[in-house]
Amino acid sequence: MSTEQAAQDEQSGQVAQAGRVLLEPPAMRPTVTRTFLAMMAREVRVMRKNFIATFLRVLAQPLMFVFVFAYVLPKIGGGAATMGAGGAAAQGANFTTVLVPGLVASSILMQAMMAAIMPLMMELTWQRSITDRALAPLPVPMLAIQKITAAGLQGLIGGLLVFPAVLFIHADGQAPQVHVSSWAVLIVMMVAGSLLAASGGLLLGTLIDPQKAQILFAVILLPVTMLGCVYYPWSALDEIRWLQIASLFNPLVYVSEGLRAALTPDVGHMPTWAFMLAVIGGTAVLTWVSTRTFTKRVLT
């Protein structure tokens, strides 16, 4: 009896253990996807907490440009620029219309690049805090992609915040002539343009010495912005052929032209295949290169 009782007890114990295994939820193991989403959730919480500061920083420069060029100059007799048909814009397109896609593109690029560059420079210098991020259960290249995604999200939000300013601040009779000709092109350019700028920012952040950060603004960001077809369409540079060709190396040109094609199709712009190829292909190339330089910088 004792032997049979022991066997029954053992069998009952095995059944009970099997039942507990079935009833207990599986242990949550960290995976690449969960870790990536958790880090993105942290970035979103930080952005939400700093929304007012981000809002003011994003709108300051575009708001001043729109106020001066679309409101002040027409009021004092400076008038708004009207491009001829021989240029890139159609007859009757005022300067405010030309400004809308350019300022949105400029805001996307500046916000995404700065959101990638500035935190990275601090993390690489101040007590090497990037090491803490690298200890997460996430491959280092995926950490770079997470940073690109987070910075791209900030750039996208920056572009969306600028829309009301460029649409509603203008003098009488200087309202921009804006209508969406292709939602697909608009969405692709907003998203891909943000990721393009963020990957470029990550690349610059890993290559530039933080102690020489002023070079970034004087030598890179200022020329990129001023010569990025923000205040004029690319085809208007026909009279300055060398500059028109040289500007093809500026990524902001393609984002500006893509948004110009989507928002102000009556204004002359690049062919769709040209800016699509440049923005999507450039995003892929810069993402690949920046993940390699980021990985090398973190691991050395």
C-alpha atoms as a PDB file:
ATOM      1  CA  MET A   1       0.000   0.000   0.000  1.00  0.00           C
ATOM      2  CA  SER A   2       2.766   2.368   0.809  1.00  0.00           C
ATOM      3  CA  THR A   3       4.349   1.804  -2.589  1.00  0.00           C
ATOM      4  CA  GLU A   4       1.049   2.350  -4.399  1.00  0.00           C
ATOM      5  CA  GLN A   5       0.353   5.438  -2.286  1.00  0.00           C
ATOM      6  CA  ALA A   6       3.773   6.870  -3.122  1.00  0.00           C
ATOM      7  CA  ALA A   7       3.190   6.268  -6.813  1.00  0.00           C
ATOM      8  CA  GLN A   8      -0.209   7.976  -6.639  1.00  0.00           C
ATOM      9  CA  ASP A   9       1.265  10.928  -4.781  1.00  0.00           C
ATOM     10  CA  GLU A  10       4.040  11.243  -7.340  1.00  0.00           C
ATOM     11  CA  GLN A  11       1.558  11.095 -10.186  1.00  0.00           C
ATOM     12  CA  SER A  12      -0.653  13.717  -8.515  1.00  0.00           C
ATOM     13  CA  GLY A  13       2.357  15.967  -8.039  1.00  0.00           C
ATOM     14  CA  GLN A  14       3.289  15.693 -11.704  1.00  0.00           C
ATOM     15  CA  VAL A  15      -0.285  16.521 -12.750  1.00  0.00           C
ATOM     16  CA  ALA A  16      -0.375  19.519 -10.411  1.00  0.00           C
ATOM     17  CA  GLN A  17       2.973  20.756 -11.717  1.00  0.00           C
ATOM     18  CA  ALA A  18       1.791  20.368 -15.306  1.00  0.00           C
ATOM     19  CA  GLY A  19      -1.346  22.322 -14.437  1.00  0.00           C
ATOM     20  CA  ARG A  20       0.695  25.143 -12.951  1.00  0.00           C
ATOM     21  CA  VAL A  21       2.839  25.285 -16.078  1.00  0.00           C
ATOM     22  CA  LEU A  22      -0.278  25.568 -18.223  1.00  0.00           C
ATOM     23  CA  LEU A  23      -1.893  28.192 -16.035  1.00  0.00           C
ATOM     24  CA  GLU A  24       1.118  30.402 -15.400  1.00  0.00           C
ATOM     25  CA  PRO A  25       1.750  33.078 -18.057  1.00  0.00           C
ATOM     26  CA  PRO A  26       4.991  32.720 -19.965  1.00  0.00           C
ATOM     27  CA  ALA A  27       7.881  34.727 -18.594  1.00  0.00           C
ATOM     28  CA  MET A  28       8.385  38.058 -20.382  1.00  0.00           C
ATOM     29  CA  ARG A  29      11.783  37.857 -21.957  1.00  0.00           C
ATOM     30  CA  PRO A  30      13.313  40.961 -23.438  1.00  0.00           C
ATOM     31  CA  THR A  31      13.355  40.866 -27.221  1.00  0.00           C
ATOM     32  CA  VAL A  32      14.659  43.273 -29.818  1.00  0.00           C
ATOM     33  CA  THR A  33      11.126  44.423 -30.672  1.00  0.00           C
ATOM     34  CA  ARG A  34      10.067  44.954 -27.046  1.00  0.00           C
ATOM     35  CA  THR A  35      13.290  46.779 -26.226  1.00  0.00           C
ATOM     36  CA  PHE A  36      13.008  48.976 -29.319  1.00  0.00           C
ATOM     37  CA  LEU A  37       9.396  49.885 -28.521  1.00  0.00           C
ATOM     38  CA  ALA A  38      10.240  50.556 -24.874  1.00  0.00           C
ATOM     39  CA  MET A  39      13.011  52.957 -25.880  1.00  0.00           C
ATOM     40  CA  MET A  40      10.685  54.695 -28.345  1.00  0.00           C
ATOM     41  CA  ALA A  41       8.038  55.001 -25.617  1.00  0.00           C
ATOM     42  CA  ARG A  42      10.632  56.706 -23.446  1.00  0.00           C
ATOM     43  CA  GLU A  43      11.432  59.160 -26.253  1.00  0.00           C
ATOM     44  CA  VAL A  44       7.741  59.962 -26.701  1.00  0.00           C
ATOM     45  CA  ARG A  45       7.337  60.648 -22.971  1.00  0.00           C
ATOM     46  CA  VAL A  46      10.322  62.988 -23.043  1.00  0.00           C
ATOM     47  CA  MET A  47       8.925  64.830 -26.091  1.00  0.00           C
ATOM     48  CA  ARG A  48       5.525  65.156 -24.439  1.00  0.00           C
ATOM     49  CA  LYS A  49       7.105  66.517 -21.276  1.00  0.00           C
ATOM     50  CA  ASN A  50       9.125  69.096 -23.269  1.00  0.00           C
ATOM     51  CA  PHE A  51       6.402  69.900 -25.790  1.00  0.00           C
ATOM     52  CA  ILE A  52       6.171  73.623 -25.006  1.00  0.00           C
ATOM     53  CA  ALA A  53       9.923  74.148 -25.393  1.00  0.00           C
ATOM     54  CA  THR A  54       9.925  72.074 -28.583  1.00  0.00           C
ATOM     55  CA  PHE A  55       6.942  74.028 -29.932  1.00  0.00           C
ATOM     56  CA  LEU A  56       8.636  77.378 -29.381  1.00  0.00           C
ATOM     57  CA  ARG A  57      11.978  76.191 -30.778  1.00  0.00           C
ATOM     58  CA  VAL A  58      10.388  74.771 -33.919  1.00  0.00           C
ATOM     59  CA  LEU A  59       8.262  77.809 -34.720  1.00  0.00           C
ATOM     60  CA  ALA A  60      10.715  80.625 -33.912  1.00  0.00           C
ATOM     61  CA  GLN A  61      12.706  80.744 -37.166  1.00  0.00           C
ATOM     62  CA  PRO A  62       9.925  79.886 -39.681  1.00  0.00           C
ATOM     63  CA  LEU A  63       7.553  82.294 -37.960  1.00  0.00           C
ATOM     64  CA  MET A  64      10.010  85.166 -38.356  1.00  0.00           C
ATOM     65  CA  PHE A  65      10.631  84.346 -42.026  1.00  0.00           C
ATOM     66  CA  VAL A  66       6.922  84.170 -42.783  1.00  0.00           C
ATOM     67  CA  PHE A  67       6.211  87.349 -40.829  1.00  0.00           C
ATOM     68  CA  VAL A  68       8.908  89.346 -42.643  1.00  0.00           C
ATOM     69  CA  PHE A  69       8.513  88.011 -46.194  1.00  0.00           C
ATOM     70  CA  ALA A  70       4.771  87.366 -46.319  1.00  0.00           C
ATOM     71  CA  TYR A  71       3.477  90.150 -44.063  1.00  0.00           C
ATOM     72  CA  VAL A  72       5.962  92.968 -43.480  1.00  0.00           C
ATOM     73  CA  LEU A  73       7.427  93.343 -46.991  1.00  0.00           C
ATOM     74  CA  PRO A  74       4.055  93.397 -48.796  1.00  0.00           C
ATOM     75  CA  LYS A  75       2.767  95.922 -46.235  1.00  0.00           C
ATOM     76  CA  ILE A  76       5.675  98.324 -46.784  1.00  0.00           C
ATOM     77  CA  GLY A  77       5.626  97.973 -50.560  1.00  0.00           C
ATOM     78  CA  GLY A  78       8.306  95.338 -51.025  1.00  0.00           C
ATOM     79  CA  GLY A  79       5.777  93.063 -52.614  1.00  0.00           C
ATOM     80  CA  ALA A  80       5.882  89.333 -52.902  1.00  0.00           C
ATOM     81  CA  ALA A  81       8.011  87.700 -55.518  1.00  0.00           C
ATOM     82  CA  THR A  82       6.261  86.510 -58.649  1.00  0.00           C
ATOM     83  CA  MET A  83       8.099  83.957 -60.737  1.00  0.00           C
ATOM     84  CA  GLY A  84       7.875  84.067 -64.492  1.00  0.00           C
ATOM     85  CA  ALA A  85       6.861  81.125 -66.603  1.00  0.00           C
ATOM     86  CA  GLY A  86      10.422  80.868 -67.841  1.00  0.00           C
ATOM     87  CA  GLY A  87      11.487  80.193 -64.261  1.00  0.00           C
ATOM     88  CA  ALA A  88      10.361  77.351 -62.090  1.00  0.00           C
ATOM     89  CA  ALA A  89       7.088  78.816 -60.884  1.00  0.00           C
ATOM     90  CA  ALA A  90       3.927  79.372 -62.829  1.00  0.00           C
ATOM     91  CA  GLN A  91       2.725  82.897 -63.593  1.00  0.00           C
ATOM     92  CA  GLY A  92       0.967  84.449 -60.613  1.00  0.00           C
ATOM     93  CA  ALA A  93       2.575  82.347 -57.899  1.00  0.00           C
ATOM     94  CA  ASN A  94       3.388  84.724 -55.077  1.00  0.00           C
ATOM     95  CA  PHE A  95       6.369  84.420 -52.787  1.00  0.00           C
ATOM     96  CA  THR A  96       4.249  83.099 -49.919  1.00  0.00           C
ATOM     97  CA  THR A  97       3.256  80.139 -52.085  1.00  0.00           C
ATOM     98  CA  VAL A  98       6.919  79.405 -52.816  1.00  0.00           C
ATOM     99  CA  LEU A  99       7.760  79.670 -49.113  1.00  0.00           C
ATOM    100  CA  VAL A 100       5.260  77.097 -47.814  1.00  0.00           C
ATOM    101  CA  PRO A 101       6.948  73.829 -48.899  1.00  0.00           C
ATOM    102  CA  GLY A 102      10.433  75.257 -48.423  1.00  0.00           C
ATOM    103  CA  LEU A 103       9.884  76.295 -44.815  1.00  0.00           C
ATOM    104  CA  VAL A 104       8.192  72.996 -43.957  1.00  0.00           C
ATOM    105  CA  ALA A 105      11.139  71.107 -45.467  1.00  0.00           C
ATOM    106  CA  SER A 106      13.641  73.339 -43.666  1.00  0.00           C
ATOM    107  CA  SER A 107      11.902  72.762 -40.331  1.00  0.00           C
ATOM    108  CA  ILE A 108      11.877  69.001 -40.864  1.00  0.00           C
ATOM    109  CA  LEU A 109      15.570  68.951 -41.669  1.00  0.00           C
ATOM    110  CA  MET A 110      16.686  71.232 -38.849  1.00  0.00           C
ATOM    111  CA  GLN A 111      14.612  69.576 -36.143  1.00  0.00           C
ATOM    112  CA  ALA A 112      15.481  66.012 -37.150  1.00  0.00           C
ATOM    113  CA  MET A 113      19.192  66.734 -37.501  1.00  0.00           C
ATOM    114  CA  MET A 114      19.456  68.597 -34.220  1.00  0.00           C
ATOM    115  CA  ALA A 115      17.416  65.932 -32.424  1.00  0.00           C
ATOM    116  CA  ALA A 116      19.988  63.371 -33.562  1.00  0.00           C
ATOM    117  CA  ILE A 117      23.173  65.432 -33.199  1.00  0.00           C
ATOM    118  CA  MET A 118      22.856  67.208 -29.862  1.00  0.00           C
ATOM    119  CA  PRO A 119      21.890  64.260 -27.602  1.00  0.00           C
ATOM    120  CA  LEU A 120      24.503  62.070 -29.299  1.00  0.00           C
ATOM    121  CA  MET A 121      27.286  64.591 -28.721  1.00  0.00           C
ATOM    122  CA  MET A 122      26.399  64.754 -25.032  1.00  0.00           C
ATOM    123  CA  GLU A 123      26.168  60.986 -24.705  1.00  0.00           C
ATOM    124  CA  LEU A 124      29.537  60.480 -26.372  1.00  0.00           C
ATOM    125  CA  THR A 125      31.339  63.001 -24.205  1.00  0.00           C
ATOM    126  CA  TRP A 126      29.663  63.402 -20.811  1.00  0.00           C
ATOM    127  CA  GLN A 127      30.795  60.341 -18.853  1.00  0.00           C
ATOM    128  CA  ARG A 128      30.236  58.246 -21.981  1.00  0.00           C
ATOM    129  CA  SER A 129      26.581  57.774 -21.064  1.00  0.00           C
ATOM    130  CA  ILE A 130      26.016  56.114 -24.430  1.00  0.00           C
ATOM    131  CA  THR A 131      27.499  53.011 -22.796  1.00  0.00           C
ATOM    132  CA  ASP A 132      24.355  52.669 -20.675  1.00  0.00           C
ATOM    133  CA  ARG A 133      22.221  52.563 -23.802  1.00  0.00           C
ATOM    134  CA  ALA A 134      24.560  50.040 -25.391  1.00  0.00           C
ATOM    135  CA  LEU A 135      23.970  47.668 -22.444  1.00  0.00           C
ATOM    136  CA  ALA A 136      20.310  47.300 -23.394  1.00  0.00           C
ATOM    137  CA  PRO A 137      19.325  43.935 -24.960  1.00  0.00           C
ATOM    138  CA  LEU A 138      19.491  45.539 -28.381  1.00  0.00           C
ATOM    139  CA  PRO A 139      22.230  45.248 -31.031  1.00  0.00           C
ATOM    140  CA  VAL A 140      24.230  48.447 -31.382  1.00  0.00           C
ATOM    141  CA  PRO A 141      23.141  48.982 -35.030  1.00  0.00           C
ATOM    142  CA  MET A 142      19.517  48.718 -33.885  1.00  0.00           C
ATOM    143  CA  LEU A 143      20.269  51.309 -31.215  1.00  0.00           C
ATOM    144  CA  ALA A 144      21.399  53.605 -34.031  1.00  0.00           C
ATOM    145  CA  ILE A 145      18.169  52.935 -35.936  1.00  0.00           C
ATOM    146  CA  GLN A 146      16.185  53.691 -32.776  1.00  0.00           C
ATOM    147  CA  LYS A 147      17.941  57.049 -32.512  1.00  0.00           C
ATOM    148  CA  ILE A 148      17.208  57.770 -36.185  1.00  0.00           C
ATOM    149  CA  THR A 149      13.548  56.865 -35.687  1.00  0.00           C
ATOM    150  CA  ALA A 150      13.213  59.063 -32.583  1.00  0.00           C
ATOM    151  CA  ALA A 151      14.917  62.035 -34.264  1.00  0.00           C
ATOM    152  CA  GLY A 152      12.860  61.515 -37.420  1.00  0.00           C
ATOM    153  CA  LEU A 153       9.680  61.611 -35.324  1.00  0.00           C
ATOM    154  CA  GLN A 154      10.733  64.975 -33.891  1.00  0.00           C
ATOM    155  CA  GLY A 155      11.462  66.264 -37.388  1.00  0.00           C
ATOM    156  CA  LEU A 156       8.047  65.114 -38.597  1.00  0.00           C
ATOM    157  CA  ILE A 157       6.321  66.851 -35.678  1.00  0.00           C
ATOM    158  CA  GLY A 158       8.360  69.978 -36.401  1.00  0.00           C
ATOM    159  CA  GLY A 159       7.183  70.024 -40.003  1.00  0.00           C
ATOM    160  CA  LEU A 160       3.551  69.569 -38.982  1.00  0.00           C
ATOM    161  CA  LEU A 161       3.768  72.395 -36.446  1.00  0.00           C
ATOM    162  CA  VAL A 162       5.024  74.837 -39.089  1.00  0.00           C
ATOM    163  CA  PHE A 163       2.033  74.345 -41.407  1.00  0.00           C
ATOM    164  CA  PRO A 164      -0.365  76.709 -39.573  1.00  0.00           C
ATOM    165  CA  ALA A 165       2.249  79.476 -39.490  1.00  0.00           C
ATOM    166  CA  VAL A 166       3.049  79.369 -43.192  1.00  0.00           C
ATOM    167  CA  LEU A 167      -0.602  79.021 -44.193  1.00  0.00           C
ATOM    168  CA  PHE A 168      -2.247  81.724 -42.091  1.00  0.00           C
ATOM    169  CA  ILE A 169       0.356  84.474 -41.510  1.00  0.00           C
ATOM    170  CA  HIS A 170       0.385  86.768 -44.557  1.00  0.00           C
ATOM    171  CA  ALA A 171      -0.661  90.200 -45.746  1.00  0.00           C
ATOM    172  CA  ASP A 172      -3.973  90.822 -47.480  1.00  0.00           C
ATOM    173  CA  GLY A 173      -3.939  89.352 -50.939  1.00  0.00           C
ATOM    174  CA  GLN A 174      -0.796  87.302 -50.276  1.00  0.00           C
ATOM    175  CA  ALA A 175      -2.449  84.049 -49.193  1.00  0.00           C
ATOM    176  CA  PRO A 176      -0.478  81.002 -50.387  1.00  0.00           C
ATOM    177  CA  GLN A 177      -2.052  78.948 -53.148  1.00  0.00           C
ATOM    178  CA  VAL A 178      -1.755  75.516 -51.577  1.00  0.00           C
ATOM    179  CA  HIS A 179      -3.598  72.319 -52.391  1.00  0.00           C
ATOM    180  CA  VAL A 180      -2.472  68.732 -52.026  1.00  0.00           C
ATOM    181  CA  SER A 181      -1.989  67.205 -55.456  1.00  0.00           C
ATOM    182  CA  SER A 182      -0.905  63.806 -54.120  1.00  0.00           C
ATOM    183  CA  TRP A 183      -1.344  62.599 -50.550  1.00  0.00           C
ATOM    184  CA  ALA A 184       0.972  59.670 -51.265  1.00  0.00           C
ATOM    185  CA  VAL A 185       3.814  61.965 -52.324  1.00  0.00           C
ATOM    186  CA  LEU A 186       3.174  64.267 -49.357  1.00  0.00           C
ATOM    187  CA  ILE A 187       3.258  61.440 -46.791  1.00  0.00           C
ATOM    188  CA  VAL A 188       6.331  59.812 -48.328  1.00  0.00           C
ATOM    189  CA  MET A 189       8.219  63.090 -48.430  1.00  0.00           C
ATOM    190  CA  MET A 190       7.302  64.046 -44.869  1.00  0.00           C
ATOM    191  CA  VAL A 191       8.268  60.647 -43.421  1.00  0.00           C
ATOM    192  CA  ALA A 192      11.247  59.846 -45.651  1.00  0.00           C
ATOM    193  CA  GLY A 193      12.516  63.423 -45.434  1.00  0.00           C
ATOM    194  CA  SER A 194      12.459  63.231 -41.644  1.00  0.00           C
ATOM    195  CA  LEU A 195      14.373  59.943 -41.638  1.00  0.00           C
ATOM    196  CA  LEU A 196      16.835  61.293 -44.216  1.00  0.00           C
ATOM    197  CA  ALA A 197      17.630  64.296 -42.018  1.00  0.00           C
ATOM    198  CA  ALA A 198      17.812  62.153 -38.864  1.00  0.00           C
ATOM    199  CA  SER A 199      20.229  59.652 -40.409  1.00  0.00           C
ATOM    200  CA  GLY A 200      22.351  62.532 -41.702  1.00  0.00           C
ATOM    201  CA  GLY A 201      22.337  64.054 -38.227  1.00  0.00           C
ATOM    202  CA  LEU A 202      23.430  60.768 -36.668  1.00  0.00           C
ATOM    203  CA  LEU A 203      26.266  60.530 -39.189  1.00  0.00           C
ATOM    204  CA  LEU A 204      27.457  64.062 -38.443  1.00  0.00           C
ATOM    205  CA  GLY A 205      27.149  63.455 -34.707  1.00  0.00           C
ATOM    206  CA  THR A 206      29.500  60.487 -34.913  1.00  0.00           C
ATOM    207  CA  LEU A 207      32.044  62.212 -37.178  1.00  0.00           C
ATOM    208  CA  ILE A 208      32.311  65.739 -35.756  1.00  0.00           C
ATOM    209  CA  ASP A 209      34.327  66.445 -32.652  1.00  0.00           C
ATOM    210  CA  PRO A 210      31.880  67.833 -30.040  1.00  0.00           C
ATOM    211  CA  GLN A 211      34.423  70.520 -29.123  1.00  0.00           C
ATOM    212  CA  LYS A 212      34.187  71.837 -32.686  1.00  0.00           C
ATOM    213  CA  ALA A 213      30.402  71.796 -32.899  1.00  0.00           C
ATOM    214  CA  GLN A 214      30.303  75.431 -34.058  1.00  0.00           C
ATOM    215  CA  ILE A 215      31.668  74.242 -37.403  1.00  0.00           C
ATOM    216  CA  LEU A 216      28.453  72.270 -37.823  1.00  0.00           C
ATOM    217  CA  PHE A 217      26.368  75.444 -37.926  1.00  0.00           C
ATOM    218  CA  ALA A 218      28.723  77.688 -39.877  1.00  0.00           C
ATOM    219  CA  VAL A 219      29.967  75.267 -42.506  1.00  0.00           C
ATOM    220  CA  ILE A 220      27.144  72.731 -42.873  1.00  0.00           C
ATOM    221  CA  LEU A 221      23.704  73.729 -41.591  1.00  0.00           C
ATOM    222  CA  LEU A 222      23.708  77.369 -42.717  1.00  0.00           C
ATOM    223  CA  PRO A 223      24.728  76.676 -46.352  1.00  0.00           C
ATOM    224  CA  VAL A 224      22.385  73.676 -46.523  1.00  0.00           C
ATOM    225  CA  THR A 225      19.455  75.828 -45.405  1.00  0.00           C
ATOM    226  CA  MET A 226      20.217  78.929 -47.484  1.00  0.00           C
ATOM    227  CA  LEU A 227      20.909  76.924 -50.669  1.00  0.00           C
ATOM    228  CA  GLY A 228      18.251  74.259 -50.151  1.00  0.00           C
ATOM    229  CA  CYS A 229      15.597  75.733 -52.486  1.00  0.00           C
ATOM    230  CA  VAL A 230      13.629  76.973 -49.486  1.00  0.00           C
ATOM    231  CA  TYR A 231      13.036  80.487 -50.883  1.00  0.00           C
ATOM    232  CA  TYR A 232      12.984  79.606 -54.578  1.00  0.00           C
ATOM    233  CA  PRO A 233      12.318  76.515 -56.713  1.00  0.00           C
ATOM    234  CA  TRP A 234      15.256  74.549 -58.077  1.00  0.00           C
ATOM    235  CA  SER A 235      14.358  75.218 -61.711  1.00  0.00           C
ATOM    236  CA  ALA A 236      14.632  78.972 -61.071  1.00  0.00           C
ATOM    237  CA  LEU A 237      18.407  78.457 -60.893  1.00  0.00           C
ATOM    238  CA  ASP A 238      18.622  77.942 -64.682  1.00  0.00           C
ATOM    239  CA  GLU A 239      20.396  81.292 -64.977  1.00  0.00           C
ATOM    240  CA  ILE A 240      23.078  80.123 -62.496  1.00  0.00           C
ATOM    241  CA  ARG A 241      23.796  76.718 -63.966  1.00  0.00           C
ATOM    242  CA  TRP A 242      26.818  75.907 -61.818  1.00  0.00           C
ATOM    243  CA  LEU A 243      24.849  76.558 -58.631  1.00  0.00           C
ATOM    244  CA  GLN A 244      21.919  74.534 -59.911  1.00  0.00           C
ATOM    245  CA  ILE A 245      24.217  71.549 -60.438  1.00  0.00           C
ATOM    246  CA  ALA A 246      26.077  72.030 -57.146  1.00  0.00           C
ATOM    247  CA  SER A 247      22.788  72.188 -55.212  1.00  0.00           C
ATOM    248  CA  LEU A 248      22.036  68.624 -56.281  1.00  0.00           C
ATOM    249  CA  PHE A 249      24.382  67.510 -53.496  1.00  0.00           C
ATOM    250  CA  ASN A 250      22.138  69.226 -50.939  1.00  0.00           C
ATOM    251  CA  PRO A 251      19.529  66.821 -49.469  1.00  0.00           C
ATOM    252  CA  LEU A 252      17.241  69.693 -48.481  1.00  0.00           C
ATOM    253  CA  VAL A 253      16.761  70.510 -52.177  1.00  0.00           C
ATOM    254  CA  TYR A 254      14.995  67.189 -52.791  1.00  0.00           C
ATOM    255  CA  VAL A 255      12.769  67.452 -49.708  1.00  0.00           C
ATOM    256  CA  SER A 256      11.790  71.020 -50.663  1.00  0.00           C
ATOM    257  CA  GLU A 257      11.071  70.032 -54.240  1.00  0.00           C
ATOM    258  CA  GLY A 258       9.095  66.966 -53.196  1.00  0.00           C
ATOM    259  CA  LEU A 259       6.886  69.002 -50.874  1.00  0.00           C
ATOM    260  CA  ARG A 260       6.572  71.664 -53.579  1.00  0.00           C
ATOM    261  CA  ALA A 261       5.274  69.020 -55.979  1.00  0.00           C
ATOM    262  CA  ALA A 262       2.782  67.775 -53.376  1.00  0.00           C
ATOM    263  CA  LEU A 263       1.590  71.123 -51.960  1.00  0.00           C
ATOM    264  CA  THR A 264       2.089  73.707 -54.717  1.00  0.00           C
ATOM    265  CA  PRO A 265       2.040  71.736 -57.987  1.00  0.00           C
ATOM    266  CA  ASP A 266       1.506  74.919 -60.034  1.00  0.00           C
ATOM    267  CA  VAL A 267       5.007  76.044 -59.031  1.00  0.00           C
ATOM    268  CA  GLY A 268       7.790  74.496 -61.078  1.00  0.00           C
ATOM    269  CA  HIS A 269       9.491  71.534 -59.418  1.00  0.00           C
ATOM    270  CA  MET A 270      11.721  68.544 -60.091  1.00  0.00           C
ATOM    271  CA  PRO A 271      10.306  65.413 -61.718  1.00  0.00           C
ATOM    272  CA  THR A 272       8.748  63.057 -59.202  1.00  0.00           C
ATOM    273  CA  TRP A 273      11.155  60.220 -59.960  1.00  0.00           C
ATOM    274  CA  ALA A 274      14.150  62.479 -59.266  1.00  0.00           C
ATOM    275  CA  PHE A 275      13.255  63.650 -55.755  1.00  0.00           C
ATOM    276  CA  MET A 276      11.734  60.280 -54.813  1.00  0.00           C
ATOM    277  CA  LEU A 277      14.894  58.431 -55.824  1.00  0.00           C
ATOM    278  CA  ALA A 278      17.118  60.937 -54.040  1.00  0.00           C
ATOM    279  CA  VAL A 279      15.133  61.007 -50.775  1.00  0.00           C
ATOM    280  CA  ILE A 280      14.365  57.287 -50.454  1.00  0.00           C
ATOM    281  CA  GLY A 281      17.742  56.154 -51.771  1.00  0.00           C
ATOM    282  CA  GLY A 282      19.571  58.757 -49.709  1.00  0.00           C
ATOM    283  CA  THR A 283      17.732  57.638 -46.576  1.00  0.00           C
ATOM    284  CA  ALA A 284      18.769  54.030 -47.148  1.00  0.00           C
ATOM    285  CA  VAL A 285      22.404  54.930 -47.828  1.00  0.00           C
ATOM    286  CA  LEU A 286      22.751  57.383 -44.942  1.00  0.00           C
ATOM    287  CA  THR A 287      21.078  54.954 -42.536  1.00  0.00           C
ATOM    288  CA  TRP A 288      23.518  52.204 -43.488  1.00  0.00           C
ATOM    289  CA  VAL A 289      26.571  54.465 -43.248  1.00  0.00           C
ATOM    290  CA  SER A 290      25.483  56.147 -40.003  1.00  0.00           C
ATOM    291  CA  THR A 291      24.785  52.820 -38.271  1.00  0.00           C
ATOM    292  CA  ARG A 292      28.320  51.693 -39.129  1.00  0.00           C
ATOM    293  CA  THR A 293      29.972  54.890 -37.888  1.00  0.00           C
ATOM    294  CA  PHE A 294      27.760  54.878 -34.772  1.00  0.00           C
ATOM    295  CA  THR A 295      28.663  51.265 -33.991  1.00  0.00           C
ATOM    296  CA  LYS A 296      32.354  51.964 -34.440  1.00  0.00           C
ATOM    297  CA  ARG A 297      32.163  55.077 -32.243  1.00  0.00           C
ATOM    298  CA  VAL A 298      30.274  53.318 -29.451  1.00  0.00           C
ATOM    299  CA  LEU A 299      32.468  50.228 -29.353  1.00  0.00           C
ATOM    300  CA  THR A 300      35.802  52.073 -29.390  1.00  0.00           C
END
